N, C-alpha and C. Protein backbone atom coordinates (compact mmCIF):
# COMPACT_ATOMS: atom_id res chain seq x y z
N MET A 1 109.31 99.57 40.38
CA MET A 1 108.98 100.38 41.54
C MET A 1 107.63 101.07 41.35
N SER A 2 106.88 101.17 42.45
CA SER A 2 105.59 101.83 42.35
C SER A 2 105.78 103.33 42.33
N GLU A 3 104.87 104.00 41.64
CA GLU A 3 104.95 105.46 41.55
C GLU A 3 104.54 106.09 42.87
N PRO A 4 105.14 107.22 43.24
CA PRO A 4 104.77 107.89 44.49
C PRO A 4 103.32 108.34 44.45
N MET A 5 102.69 108.36 45.62
CA MET A 5 101.29 108.76 45.70
C MET A 5 101.17 110.26 45.49
N ASN A 6 100.10 110.61 44.80
CA ASN A 6 99.84 112.04 44.65
C ASN A 6 99.22 112.58 45.94
N GLN A 7 98.95 113.87 45.95
CA GLN A 7 98.46 114.51 47.17
C GLN A 7 97.13 113.93 47.63
N GLN A 8 96.22 113.65 46.70
CA GLN A 8 94.92 113.11 47.06
C GLN A 8 95.05 111.69 47.61
N GLU A 9 95.93 110.90 47.03
CA GLU A 9 96.15 109.53 47.50
C GLU A 9 96.80 109.54 48.90
N GLN A 10 97.72 110.47 49.12
CA GLN A 10 98.34 110.58 50.44
C GLN A 10 97.31 110.95 51.49
N LEU A 11 96.41 111.87 51.12
CA LEU A 11 95.37 112.28 52.04
C LEU A 11 94.44 111.12 52.36
N ARG A 12 94.09 110.36 51.34
CA ARG A 12 93.22 109.19 51.54
C ARG A 12 93.91 108.16 52.45
N TRP A 13 95.21 107.95 52.22
CA TRP A 13 95.96 106.98 53.02
C TRP A 13 96.02 107.43 54.48
N ARG A 14 96.28 108.70 54.72
CA ARG A 14 96.35 109.21 56.10
C ARG A 14 94.99 109.10 56.80
N ALA A 15 93.92 109.33 56.05
CA ALA A 15 92.59 109.20 56.64
C ALA A 15 92.30 107.76 57.03
N GLU A 16 92.69 106.81 56.20
CA GLU A 16 92.50 105.40 56.52
C GLU A 16 93.30 105.00 57.75
N GLN A 17 94.57 105.47 57.81
CA GLN A 17 95.40 105.16 58.96
C GLN A 17 94.84 105.78 60.25
N TYR A 18 94.25 106.96 60.10
CA TYR A 18 93.66 107.64 61.25
C TYR A 18 92.46 106.86 61.78
N VAL A 19 91.59 106.41 60.88
CA VAL A 19 90.42 105.65 61.28
C VAL A 19 90.82 104.32 61.92
N LEU A 20 91.90 103.72 61.42
CA LEU A 20 92.39 102.47 61.99
C LEU A 20 93.12 102.66 63.30
N GLY A 21 93.46 103.91 63.66
CA GLY A 21 94.24 104.16 64.87
C GLY A 21 95.69 103.77 64.70
N ALA A 22 96.20 103.80 63.45
CA ALA A 22 97.55 103.35 63.16
C ALA A 22 98.57 104.47 63.06
N LEU A 23 98.14 105.71 63.20
CA LEU A 23 99.08 106.83 63.12
C LEU A 23 99.84 106.98 64.43
N GLU A 24 101.12 107.40 64.30
CA GLU A 24 101.87 107.76 65.50
C GLU A 24 101.23 108.98 66.14
N ASP A 25 101.55 109.20 67.41
CA ASP A 25 100.92 110.29 68.15
C ASP A 25 101.09 111.64 67.45
N GLU A 26 102.31 111.94 67.00
CA GLU A 26 102.54 113.22 66.34
C GLU A 26 101.75 113.33 65.04
N GLN A 27 101.71 112.23 64.27
CA GLN A 27 100.95 112.23 63.03
C GLN A 27 99.46 112.38 63.30
N ARG A 28 98.98 111.70 64.33
CA ARG A 28 97.55 111.80 64.66
C ARG A 28 97.18 113.22 65.07
N ILE A 29 98.01 113.83 65.92
CA ILE A 29 97.72 115.18 66.38
C ILE A 29 97.72 116.16 65.20
N ALA A 30 98.69 115.99 64.30
CA ALA A 30 98.77 116.87 63.14
C ALA A 30 97.55 116.72 62.24
N PHE A 31 97.10 115.45 62.06
CA PHE A 31 95.93 115.22 61.22
C PHE A 31 94.67 115.80 61.85
N GLU A 32 94.54 115.66 63.18
CA GLU A 32 93.38 116.23 63.85
C GLU A 32 93.36 117.75 63.77
N ARG A 33 94.54 118.35 63.78
CA ARG A 33 94.60 119.81 63.62
C ARG A 33 94.13 120.20 62.22
N GLU A 34 94.51 119.39 61.24
CA GLU A 34 94.06 119.67 59.88
C GLU A 34 92.54 119.55 59.79
N LEU A 35 92.00 118.53 60.48
CA LEU A 35 90.55 118.33 60.42
C LEU A 35 89.80 119.49 61.07
N ALA A 36 90.44 120.10 62.09
CA ALA A 36 89.78 121.21 62.78
C ALA A 36 89.53 122.39 61.85
N THR A 37 90.39 122.52 60.85
CA THR A 37 90.24 123.61 59.85
C THR A 37 90.07 123.00 58.46
N ALA A 38 89.46 121.82 58.42
CA ALA A 38 89.42 121.06 57.18
C ALA A 38 88.50 121.68 56.14
N GLY A 39 88.93 121.52 54.92
CA GLY A 39 88.08 121.87 53.80
C GLY A 39 87.46 120.62 53.23
N ALA A 40 86.86 120.72 52.10
CA ALA A 40 86.15 119.61 51.48
C ALA A 40 87.04 118.41 51.21
N PRO A 41 88.27 118.57 50.69
CA PRO A 41 89.08 117.37 50.37
C PRO A 41 89.39 116.51 51.59
N GLU A 42 89.76 117.15 52.72
CA GLU A 42 90.10 116.38 53.92
C GLU A 42 88.88 115.64 54.46
N LEU A 43 87.75 116.33 54.54
CA LEU A 43 86.55 115.69 55.07
C LEU A 43 86.07 114.57 54.14
N GLU A 44 86.18 114.78 52.87
CA GLU A 44 85.77 113.75 51.91
C GLU A 44 86.66 112.52 52.04
N ALA A 45 87.96 112.73 52.24
CA ALA A 45 88.88 111.61 52.41
C ALA A 45 88.55 110.83 53.69
N LEU A 46 88.21 111.53 54.77
CA LEU A 46 87.87 110.86 56.02
C LEU A 46 86.59 110.06 55.87
N ARG A 47 85.57 110.64 55.23
CA ARG A 47 84.32 109.91 55.03
C ARG A 47 84.54 108.68 54.16
N ALA A 48 85.39 108.82 53.14
CA ALA A 48 85.68 107.69 52.26
C ALA A 48 86.38 106.56 53.02
N ALA A 49 87.31 106.95 53.92
CA ALA A 49 88.02 105.94 54.71
C ALA A 49 87.06 105.21 55.64
N GLN A 50 86.17 105.96 56.29
CA GLN A 50 85.21 105.34 57.18
C GLN A 50 84.27 104.41 56.42
N HIS A 51 83.83 104.83 55.25
CA HIS A 51 82.96 103.99 54.43
C HIS A 51 83.68 102.73 53.99
N PHE A 52 84.94 102.86 53.59
CA PHE A 52 85.72 101.72 53.12
C PHE A 52 85.88 100.68 54.23
N LEU A 53 86.22 101.15 55.43
CA LEU A 53 86.43 100.21 56.53
C LEU A 53 85.12 99.56 56.97
N GLY A 54 84.01 100.31 56.91
CA GLY A 54 82.72 99.72 57.23
C GLY A 54 82.35 98.63 56.25
N GLU A 55 82.57 98.88 54.95
CA GLU A 55 82.30 97.85 53.94
C GLU A 55 83.20 96.63 54.13
N LEU A 56 84.46 96.89 54.52
CA LEU A 56 85.39 95.79 54.74
C LEU A 56 84.94 94.90 55.89
N ALA A 57 84.45 95.53 56.97
CA ALA A 57 83.97 94.76 58.12
C ALA A 57 82.77 93.91 57.75
N LEU A 58 81.84 94.47 56.96
CA LEU A 58 80.66 93.73 56.56
C LEU A 58 81.00 92.60 55.60
N ALA A 59 82.10 92.76 54.85
CA ALA A 59 82.47 91.74 53.88
C ALA A 59 83.12 90.53 54.54
N SER A 60 83.59 90.68 55.78
CA SER A 60 84.24 89.57 56.46
C SER A 60 83.20 88.53 56.86
N PRO A 61 83.38 87.26 56.51
CA PRO A 61 82.40 86.24 56.88
C PRO A 61 82.40 86.01 58.38
N PRO A 62 81.22 85.84 58.99
CA PRO A 62 81.17 85.56 60.43
C PRO A 62 81.80 84.22 60.75
N SER A 63 82.44 84.14 61.89
CA SER A 63 83.08 82.88 62.29
C SER A 63 82.82 82.64 63.76
N LEU A 64 82.72 81.37 64.11
CA LEU A 64 82.50 80.97 65.50
C LEU A 64 83.81 80.48 66.10
N PRO A 65 84.04 80.74 67.38
CA PRO A 65 85.26 80.24 68.01
C PRO A 65 85.24 78.72 68.07
N ARG A 66 86.42 78.14 68.09
CA ARG A 66 86.52 76.69 68.20
C ARG A 66 85.90 76.23 69.51
N PRO A 67 85.24 75.07 69.53
CA PRO A 67 84.58 74.59 70.75
C PRO A 67 85.53 74.50 71.94
N GLU A 68 86.79 74.07 71.70
CA GLU A 68 87.71 73.93 72.82
C GLU A 68 88.06 75.29 73.44
N LEU A 69 88.09 76.35 72.60
CA LEU A 69 88.36 77.68 73.12
C LEU A 69 87.21 78.14 74.01
N ARG A 70 85.99 77.89 73.56
CA ARG A 70 84.82 78.26 74.37
C ARG A 70 84.83 77.56 75.72
N GLU A 71 85.18 76.27 75.72
CA GLU A 71 85.19 75.52 76.97
C GLU A 71 86.27 76.03 77.91
N ARG A 72 87.44 76.40 77.35
CA ARG A 72 88.52 76.92 78.20
C ARG A 72 88.11 78.24 78.84
N LEU A 73 87.47 79.10 78.05
CA LEU A 73 87.05 80.40 78.58
C LEU A 73 85.99 80.24 79.66
N LEU A 74 85.03 79.33 79.43
CA LEU A 74 83.98 79.10 80.42
C LEU A 74 84.56 78.51 81.70
N ALA A 75 85.51 77.59 81.56
CA ALA A 75 86.12 76.98 82.74
C ALA A 75 86.88 78.02 83.55
N ARG A 76 87.59 78.90 82.85
CA ARG A 76 88.34 79.95 83.56
C ARG A 76 87.39 80.91 84.26
N ALA A 77 86.30 81.26 83.58
CA ALA A 77 85.33 82.18 84.20
C ALA A 77 84.71 81.55 85.43
N ARG A 78 84.36 80.26 85.35
CA ARG A 78 83.75 79.60 86.51
C ARG A 78 84.73 79.55 87.68
N ALA A 79 86.02 79.35 87.38
CA ALA A 79 87.02 79.25 88.44
C ALA A 79 87.24 80.56 89.16
N GLU A 80 86.94 81.70 88.49
CA GLU A 80 87.20 83.00 89.07
C GLU A 80 85.98 83.61 89.75
N ILE A 81 84.84 82.90 89.76
CA ILE A 81 83.63 83.44 90.38
C ILE A 81 83.69 83.23 91.88
N PRO A 82 83.68 84.30 92.69
CA PRO A 82 83.71 84.12 94.14
C PRO A 82 82.45 83.40 94.63
N VAL A 83 82.63 82.55 95.63
CA VAL A 83 81.49 81.88 96.24
C VAL A 83 80.73 82.89 97.08
N THR A 84 79.41 82.92 96.96
CA THR A 84 78.60 83.86 97.72
C THR A 84 77.56 83.11 98.51
N GLY A 85 76.91 83.83 99.44
CA GLY A 85 75.83 83.23 100.20
C GLY A 85 76.31 82.49 101.43
N SER A 86 75.45 81.64 101.98
CA SER A 86 75.72 81.00 103.26
C SER A 86 76.92 80.07 103.20
N SER A 87 77.21 79.46 102.03
CA SER A 87 78.34 78.55 101.95
C SER A 87 79.63 79.27 102.27
N ALA A 88 79.85 80.44 101.63
CA ALA A 88 81.07 81.19 101.87
C ALA A 88 81.16 81.61 103.33
N GLU A 89 80.02 81.97 103.93
CA GLU A 89 80.03 82.42 105.31
C GLU A 89 80.41 81.29 106.25
N SER A 90 79.98 80.06 105.95
CA SER A 90 80.27 78.95 106.84
C SER A 90 81.66 78.38 106.60
N VAL A 91 82.21 78.57 105.40
CA VAL A 91 83.50 77.98 105.08
C VAL A 91 84.65 78.73 105.74
N GLN A 92 84.55 80.03 105.90
CA GLN A 92 85.65 80.81 106.45
C GLN A 92 85.20 81.61 107.68
N PRO A 93 84.93 80.95 108.77
CA PRO A 93 84.46 81.66 109.95
C PRO A 93 85.51 82.59 110.53
N TRP A 94 86.81 82.33 110.28
CA TRP A 94 87.84 83.20 110.84
C TRP A 94 87.75 84.63 110.28
N GLN A 95 87.06 84.80 109.16
CA GLN A 95 86.88 86.15 108.64
C GLN A 95 85.93 86.97 109.51
N LYS A 96 85.20 86.29 110.40
CA LYS A 96 84.26 86.99 111.27
C LYS A 96 84.65 86.86 112.74
N TRP A 97 85.88 86.47 113.01
CA TRP A 97 86.29 86.30 114.39
C TRP A 97 86.35 87.64 115.12
N GLY A 98 86.56 88.74 114.40
CA GLY A 98 86.44 90.06 114.99
C GLY A 98 87.63 90.46 115.85
N ALA A 99 87.38 91.45 116.73
CA ALA A 99 88.45 92.13 117.43
C ALA A 99 89.08 91.29 118.54
N GLY A 100 88.37 90.32 119.09
CA GLY A 100 88.95 89.54 120.17
C GLY A 100 90.12 88.73 119.68
N VAL A 101 91.31 89.01 120.17
CA VAL A 101 92.51 88.33 119.68
C VAL A 101 92.78 87.04 120.44
N GLY A 102 92.07 86.80 121.52
CA GLY A 102 92.26 85.56 122.26
C GLY A 102 93.46 85.64 123.19
N PRO A 103 93.65 84.64 124.02
CA PRO A 103 94.78 84.63 124.97
C PRO A 103 96.11 84.51 124.25
N SER A 104 97.17 84.91 124.95
CA SER A 104 98.50 84.83 124.34
C SER A 104 99.09 83.44 124.46
N LEU A 105 98.52 82.61 125.31
CA LEU A 105 99.00 81.24 125.48
C LEU A 105 97.83 80.28 125.35
N ILE A 106 97.96 79.33 124.44
CA ILE A 106 96.94 78.29 124.27
C ILE A 106 97.63 76.95 124.45
N ARG A 107 97.20 76.20 125.43
CA ARG A 107 97.79 74.88 125.68
C ARG A 107 97.40 73.90 124.58
N HIS A 108 98.13 72.80 124.53
CA HIS A 108 97.88 71.82 123.48
C HIS A 108 96.46 71.27 123.52
N ASP A 109 95.88 71.26 124.73
CA ASP A 109 94.52 70.75 124.85
C ASP A 109 93.49 71.88 125.01
N GLY A 110 93.92 73.12 124.78
CA GLY A 110 93.01 74.25 124.92
C GLY A 110 92.36 74.61 123.60
N GLY A 111 91.26 75.33 123.68
CA GLY A 111 90.55 75.72 122.47
C GLY A 111 89.80 74.56 121.85
N GLU A 112 88.98 74.87 120.88
CA GLU A 112 88.18 73.84 120.23
C GLU A 112 88.27 73.97 118.72
N PHE A 113 88.24 72.85 118.03
CA PHE A 113 88.13 72.85 116.58
C PHE A 113 86.66 73.02 116.22
N GLU A 114 86.40 73.86 115.23
CA GLU A 114 85.02 74.07 114.79
C GLU A 114 84.87 73.73 113.31
N ALA A 115 83.72 73.18 112.97
CA ALA A 115 83.44 72.84 111.57
C ALA A 115 83.29 74.12 110.76
N ILE A 116 83.68 74.06 109.49
CA ILE A 116 83.62 75.27 108.65
C ILE A 116 82.70 75.10 107.45
N GLY A 117 81.94 74.02 107.42
CA GLY A 117 80.97 73.86 106.34
C GLY A 117 81.41 72.93 105.23
N TRP A 118 82.66 72.47 105.27
CA TRP A 118 83.13 71.49 104.30
C TRP A 118 83.41 70.19 105.05
N PRO A 119 82.86 69.07 104.60
CA PRO A 119 82.98 67.81 105.34
C PRO A 119 84.43 67.47 105.68
N GLY A 120 84.66 67.19 106.95
CA GLY A 120 85.98 66.73 107.37
C GLY A 120 87.02 67.81 107.55
N VAL A 121 86.63 69.10 107.48
CA VAL A 121 87.59 70.19 107.65
C VAL A 121 87.20 71.00 108.88
N PHE A 122 88.16 71.19 109.81
CA PHE A 122 87.90 71.89 111.06
C PHE A 122 89.04 72.86 111.34
N VAL A 123 88.75 73.95 112.05
CA VAL A 123 89.78 74.94 112.36
C VAL A 123 89.75 75.28 113.85
N LYS A 124 90.93 75.63 114.38
CA LYS A 124 91.05 76.11 115.76
C LYS A 124 91.70 77.50 115.72
N ARG A 125 91.04 78.44 116.33
CA ARG A 125 91.53 79.82 116.40
C ARG A 125 92.72 79.92 117.35
N LEU A 126 93.83 80.51 116.86
CA LEU A 126 94.99 80.75 117.70
C LEU A 126 95.19 82.24 117.97
N HIS A 127 95.15 83.05 116.91
CA HIS A 127 95.38 84.49 117.09
C HIS A 127 94.76 85.25 115.93
N VAL A 128 94.23 86.44 116.21
CA VAL A 128 93.68 87.32 115.19
C VAL A 128 94.30 88.70 115.34
N ASP A 129 94.83 89.23 114.26
CA ASP A 129 95.36 90.59 114.23
C ASP A 129 94.43 91.41 113.36
N VAL A 130 93.48 92.11 113.98
CA VAL A 130 92.48 92.85 113.23
C VAL A 130 93.11 93.99 112.44
N ALA A 131 94.10 94.67 113.04
CA ALA A 131 94.71 95.82 112.37
C ALA A 131 95.37 95.41 111.06
N GLN A 132 95.98 94.22 111.05
CA GLN A 132 96.64 93.74 109.84
C GLN A 132 95.75 92.80 109.02
N ALA A 133 94.54 92.53 109.52
CA ALA A 133 93.59 91.64 108.83
C ALA A 133 94.21 90.27 108.58
N ARG A 134 94.78 89.69 109.67
CA ARG A 134 95.43 88.39 109.53
C ARG A 134 95.02 87.49 110.69
N ALA A 135 95.15 86.19 110.47
CA ALA A 135 94.79 85.22 111.49
C ALA A 135 95.78 84.06 111.47
N THR A 136 96.02 83.50 112.65
CA THR A 136 96.81 82.29 112.79
C THR A 136 95.88 81.20 113.30
N LEU A 137 95.89 80.04 112.66
CA LEU A 137 94.93 78.99 113.03
C LEU A 137 95.50 77.61 112.72
N LEU A 138 94.94 76.63 113.38
CA LEU A 138 95.21 75.24 113.06
C LEU A 138 94.08 74.73 112.18
N VAL A 139 94.44 73.97 111.17
CA VAL A 139 93.44 73.35 110.29
C VAL A 139 93.62 71.84 110.36
N ARG A 140 92.54 71.14 110.69
CA ARG A 140 92.57 69.68 110.74
C ARG A 140 91.67 69.16 109.62
N MET A 141 92.23 68.31 108.78
CA MET A 141 91.47 67.70 107.69
C MET A 141 91.48 66.19 107.88
N GLU A 142 90.29 65.62 107.89
CA GLU A 142 90.17 64.18 108.04
C GLU A 142 90.50 63.48 106.72
N PRO A 143 90.83 62.18 106.76
CA PRO A 143 91.16 61.46 105.51
C PRO A 143 90.09 61.63 104.44
N GLY A 144 90.52 61.99 103.24
CA GLY A 144 89.62 62.18 102.12
C GLY A 144 88.99 63.55 102.03
N ALA A 145 89.22 64.45 103.01
CA ALA A 145 88.61 65.77 103.00
C ALA A 145 89.31 66.68 101.99
N SER A 146 88.60 67.73 101.57
CA SER A 146 89.17 68.67 100.60
C SER A 146 88.74 70.08 100.96
N TYR A 147 89.50 71.04 100.45
CA TYR A 147 89.21 72.46 100.67
C TYR A 147 89.16 73.15 99.31
N PRO A 148 88.19 74.05 99.07
CA PRO A 148 87.98 74.59 97.71
C PRO A 148 89.06 75.58 97.28
N ALA A 149 89.07 75.85 95.99
CA ALA A 149 90.00 76.84 95.42
C ALA A 149 89.73 78.21 96.02
N HIS A 150 90.78 78.99 96.18
CA HIS A 150 90.62 80.32 96.79
C HIS A 150 91.75 81.24 96.32
N ARG A 151 91.46 82.54 96.37
CA ARG A 151 92.45 83.56 96.03
C ARG A 151 92.86 84.26 97.32
N HIS A 152 94.17 84.45 97.50
CA HIS A 152 94.69 85.00 98.74
C HIS A 152 94.61 86.53 98.77
N GLY A 153 94.03 87.05 99.85
CA GLY A 153 93.96 88.50 100.03
C GLY A 153 95.26 89.08 100.51
N GLY A 154 96.18 88.26 100.94
CA GLY A 154 97.51 88.66 101.39
C GLY A 154 98.38 87.42 101.39
N PHE A 155 99.64 87.54 101.82
CA PHE A 155 100.50 86.35 101.81
C PHE A 155 99.95 85.30 102.78
N GLU A 156 100.24 84.06 102.47
CA GLU A 156 99.81 82.94 103.32
C GLU A 156 101.01 82.05 103.59
N GLU A 157 101.12 81.59 104.85
CA GLU A 157 102.17 80.65 105.22
C GLU A 157 101.51 79.39 105.78
N CYS A 158 101.97 78.25 105.29
CA CYS A 158 101.38 76.96 105.69
C CYS A 158 102.51 76.01 106.11
N PHE A 159 102.41 75.50 107.33
CA PHE A 159 103.36 74.50 107.83
C PHE A 159 102.58 73.22 108.12
N VAL A 160 102.99 72.14 107.45
CA VAL A 160 102.31 70.85 107.64
C VAL A 160 102.89 70.18 108.88
N LEU A 161 102.08 70.07 109.92
CA LEU A 161 102.53 69.44 111.16
C LEU A 161 102.54 67.93 111.05
N SER A 162 101.55 67.39 110.35
CA SER A 162 101.50 65.94 110.15
C SER A 162 100.57 65.63 108.99
N GLY A 163 100.73 64.42 108.44
CA GLY A 163 99.85 63.98 107.36
C GLY A 163 100.30 64.43 106.00
N ASP A 164 99.35 64.47 105.06
CA ASP A 164 99.66 64.82 103.67
C ASP A 164 98.65 65.85 103.17
N LEU A 165 99.14 66.77 102.34
CA LEU A 165 98.28 67.79 101.72
C LEU A 165 98.60 67.84 100.24
N HIS A 166 97.59 67.60 99.40
CA HIS A 166 97.78 67.55 97.95
C HIS A 166 97.26 68.84 97.30
N HIS A 167 98.00 69.31 96.29
CA HIS A 167 97.56 70.45 95.47
C HIS A 167 98.08 70.21 94.06
N GLU A 168 97.15 70.00 93.12
CA GLU A 168 97.51 69.64 91.75
C GLU A 168 98.40 68.40 91.77
N GLN A 169 99.63 68.48 91.26
CA GLN A 169 100.49 67.30 91.21
C GLN A 169 101.47 67.24 92.39
N ARG A 170 101.36 68.17 93.32
CA ARG A 170 102.33 68.27 94.40
C ARG A 170 101.75 67.74 95.71
N VAL A 171 102.61 67.13 96.52
CA VAL A 171 102.21 66.63 97.83
C VAL A 171 103.13 67.23 98.88
N MET A 172 102.54 67.84 99.92
CA MET A 172 103.30 68.31 101.07
C MET A 172 103.07 67.34 102.22
N ARG A 173 104.13 67.08 102.99
CA ARG A 173 104.01 66.15 104.12
C ARG A 173 104.56 66.81 105.38
N GLY A 174 104.43 66.10 106.51
CA GLY A 174 104.84 66.65 107.80
C GLY A 174 106.23 67.25 107.75
N GLY A 175 106.36 68.50 108.20
CA GLY A 175 107.64 69.20 108.18
C GLY A 175 107.81 70.13 106.99
N ASP A 176 106.93 70.03 105.97
CA ASP A 176 107.02 70.90 104.79
C ASP A 176 106.39 72.26 105.08
N PHE A 177 106.96 73.30 104.48
CA PHE A 177 106.49 74.68 104.68
C PHE A 177 106.31 75.34 103.32
N GLU A 178 105.27 76.15 103.21
CA GLU A 178 105.03 76.89 101.95
C GLU A 178 104.57 78.30 102.28
N ARG A 179 105.08 79.27 101.52
CA ARG A 179 104.61 80.66 101.59
C ARG A 179 104.19 81.06 100.18
N VAL A 180 103.00 81.66 100.06
CA VAL A 180 102.53 82.18 98.78
C VAL A 180 102.16 83.65 98.97
N GLU A 181 102.28 84.42 97.90
CA GLU A 181 102.08 85.85 98.00
C GLU A 181 100.60 86.23 97.81
N GLY A 182 100.27 87.47 98.19
CA GLY A 182 98.92 87.97 98.03
C GLY A 182 98.49 88.00 96.58
N ASP A 183 97.22 87.78 96.33
CA ASP A 183 96.59 87.75 95.01
C ASP A 183 96.96 86.49 94.23
N SER A 184 97.70 85.57 94.86
CA SER A 184 97.95 84.28 94.21
C SER A 184 96.74 83.38 94.42
N ARG A 185 96.70 82.29 93.71
CA ARG A 185 95.53 81.40 93.72
C ARG A 185 95.93 79.99 94.10
N HIS A 186 95.20 79.40 95.01
CA HIS A 186 95.35 77.99 95.33
C HIS A 186 94.16 77.25 94.73
N GLY A 187 94.44 76.22 93.96
CA GLY A 187 93.36 75.37 93.49
C GLY A 187 92.87 74.47 94.63
N LYS A 188 92.00 73.55 94.31
CA LYS A 188 91.46 72.63 95.31
C LYS A 188 92.60 71.88 95.99
N GLN A 189 92.54 71.78 97.32
CA GLN A 189 93.51 71.04 98.11
C GLN A 189 92.80 69.89 98.81
N TRP A 190 93.49 68.77 98.96
CA TRP A 190 92.86 67.62 99.59
C TRP A 190 93.91 66.77 100.30
N THR A 191 93.43 65.86 101.14
CA THR A 191 94.32 64.96 101.86
C THR A 191 93.82 63.54 101.72
N GLU A 192 94.74 62.60 101.64
CA GLU A 192 94.37 61.19 101.57
C GLU A 192 94.38 60.54 102.95
N GLU A 193 95.40 60.86 103.75
CA GLU A 193 95.55 60.23 105.05
C GLU A 193 95.03 61.11 106.19
N GLY A 194 94.70 62.37 105.88
CA GLY A 194 94.38 63.33 106.92
C GLY A 194 95.61 64.18 107.22
N CYS A 195 95.41 65.40 107.75
CA CYS A 195 96.55 66.26 108.03
C CYS A 195 96.20 67.28 109.10
N LEU A 196 97.25 67.86 109.68
CA LEU A 196 97.12 68.95 110.63
C LEU A 196 98.04 70.06 110.14
N LEU A 197 97.48 71.27 109.92
CA LEU A 197 98.23 72.38 109.32
C LEU A 197 98.25 73.57 110.26
N LEU A 198 99.37 74.28 110.29
CA LEU A 198 99.46 75.57 110.96
C LEU A 198 99.43 76.63 109.87
N ILE A 199 98.42 77.49 109.89
CA ILE A 199 98.20 78.47 108.83
C ILE A 199 98.28 79.89 109.40
N HIS A 200 99.03 80.74 108.70
CA HIS A 200 99.03 82.18 108.98
C HIS A 200 98.55 82.85 107.71
N SER A 201 97.35 83.46 107.75
CA SER A 201 96.70 83.85 106.51
C SER A 201 95.98 85.18 106.64
N SER A 202 95.59 85.72 105.47
CA SER A 202 94.81 86.95 105.42
C SER A 202 93.36 86.69 105.80
N LEU A 203 92.71 87.71 106.33
CA LEU A 203 91.28 87.63 106.61
C LEU A 203 90.46 88.04 105.39
N GLN A 204 91.13 88.28 104.26
CA GLN A 204 90.45 88.78 103.07
C GLN A 204 90.55 87.83 101.89
N ASP A 205 90.79 86.54 102.17
CA ASP A 205 90.79 85.56 101.08
C ASP A 205 89.38 85.46 100.48
N LYS A 206 89.31 85.03 99.22
CA LYS A 206 88.02 84.83 98.56
C LYS A 206 87.96 83.42 98.02
N LEU A 207 86.90 82.72 98.33
CA LEU A 207 86.69 81.38 97.79
C LEU A 207 86.25 81.47 96.34
N LEU A 208 86.69 80.50 95.54
CA LEU A 208 86.33 80.45 94.12
C LEU A 208 85.49 79.21 93.87
N ALA A 209 84.49 79.37 93.01
CA ALA A 209 83.60 78.23 92.73
C ALA A 209 84.39 77.14 92.04
């Protein structure tokens, strides 16, 4: 069995634990009170602990992260960067539809689909609720079209009226419905045959690069 530490060794050990931030709250508060009225032994122990840990840090050999870790971190960072500039403005025009909520009845042949800046993707305005920052719209995607990754500013509901909609390994087809919660993320979505979607979404979504 090891011999118990003497008073000086205990003081040195507590100073090291304090510098490391390893003391429990009560122990830390008690040690700080001692330091407030500290004499030479306590201050010397604290300086010695700080010097020891500094030497220990310098003695550690530098190391570089594995290449695959760097690539994963960079990929994640790129995926979380919001799209800015004219592209973002043209991709989500419903965010600027404003206070006009439109008529309460839109016939099947009423309204117009408008391009949103991504090839083969068009939207038709159905309803805007400015107070709740939400919009209801039809989205038409031509065969082979895709829509970029985005983060939802609120819950989103998507009903596939016809065609196919792909997301990662999943395929939604006519009659399928999906609801996702706010702050969730949709990766890139695309269609092979083309699709028509009914979307109820937030006006505060953010596109991701």
